[in-house]
Structures are given as structure tokens and as C-alpha cells.
Protein backbone atom coordinates (compact mmCIF):
# COMPACT_ATOMS: atom_id res chain seq x y z
CA MET A 1 82.82 85.43 77.02
CA GLU A 2 83.80 85.85 80.84
CA ILE A 3 81.85 88.45 82.41
CA PHE A 4 84.09 89.44 85.00
CA GLY A 5 87.51 90.26 83.28
CA LYS A 6 89.44 88.08 85.83
CA ASP A 7 92.45 88.10 83.45
CA THR A 8 92.88 92.09 83.46
CA MET A 9 96.12 93.16 84.66
CA LYS A 10 96.69 96.13 86.53
CA ARG A 11 100.10 98.20 86.71
CA CYS A 12 101.49 98.98 90.20
CA ALA A 13 101.05 102.55 91.30
CA ILE A 14 104.55 102.51 92.76
CA CYS A 15 106.92 100.31 90.66
CA GLY A 16 104.43 100.13 87.56
CA LYS A 17 105.09 96.58 87.35
CA ALA A 18 102.28 94.46 85.53
CA PHE A 19 100.09 92.16 88.67
CA LEU A 20 97.19 90.35 88.70
CA PRO A 21 94.61 92.01 91.04
CA GLY A 22 92.64 90.12 93.59
CA SER A 23 89.86 92.93 93.46
CA ASN A 24 88.98 96.09 91.54
CA ARG A 25 89.96 98.01 94.43
CA ALA A 26 93.74 96.85 94.35
CA LYS A 27 96.37 99.79 93.33
CA TYR A 28 99.64 97.94 94.18
CA CYS A 29 101.65 94.50 93.62
CA ASN A 30 102.15 92.33 96.01
CA ASP A 31 106.03 93.45 96.63
CA CYS A 32 104.97 97.30 96.91
CA ARG A 33 102.00 96.54 99.12
CA VAL A 34 103.24 96.25 102.38
CA ILE A 35 105.57 99.62 101.82
CA ALA A 36 102.32 101.36 100.63
CA GLN A 37 100.48 100.04 103.83
CA ARG A 38 103.06 101.45 106.13
CA ARG A 39 103.40 104.50 104.25
CA GLN A 40 99.41 105.18 104.67
CA LYS A 41 99.60 104.23 108.07
CA ALA A 42 102.21 106.43 109.46
CA GLU A 43 100.55 109.66 107.40
CA TYR A 44 97.46 108.45 109.41
CA ALA A 45 98.99 108.29 112.67
CA LYS A 46 100.86 111.66 112.35
CA ARG A 47 97.37 113.48 111.22
CA CYS A 48 95.92 111.92 114.65
CA ARG A 49 98.56 113.10 116.67
CA ALA A 50 98.27 116.60 115.21
CA ASN A 51 94.72 116.51 115.65
CA SER A 52 95.09 115.32 118.96
CA ARG A 53 97.36 118.24 120.07
CA THR A 54 95.07 120.86 118.61
CA ILE A 55 92.21 119.39 120.42
CA ASP A 56 94.38 119.41 124.01
CA GLN A 57 95.26 123.12 123.35
CA GLN A 58 91.81 123.99 122.84
CA SER A 59 90.44 122.61 125.86
CA PRO A 60 90.18 125.04 128.94
């Protein structure tokens, strides 16, 4: 009996393909991981740019 379920497969949140995760936080297969990271980074940068504009406009 294995305690840590190493053979547990997960489904990719983007393509739905089954993959073996390296950790319990893994959400994407190896093919989609790069795409997902790039998308998340772009959204974060967009929010940061929007926040910096509102801070600059509020300063006297």
C-alpha cells in the first residue's frame, strides 16, 4: 500500500489530456503549461500597468 498516491493521474485544465502531476498543485499538462504561464503573466502585467496608471493619476 502506497501512502502518497504517486500513480494518480490528473486532467489538464486546458486540453483535458490526462497527465501525471509532479505535485498536488499541478493543473496543466507539460504541453499546456507554457501557454498557461504566459497567459497568467500577461494578465498580471496588465493589472500592474492599470494599477500604476491609477496611482500616477491620483498623485498631486
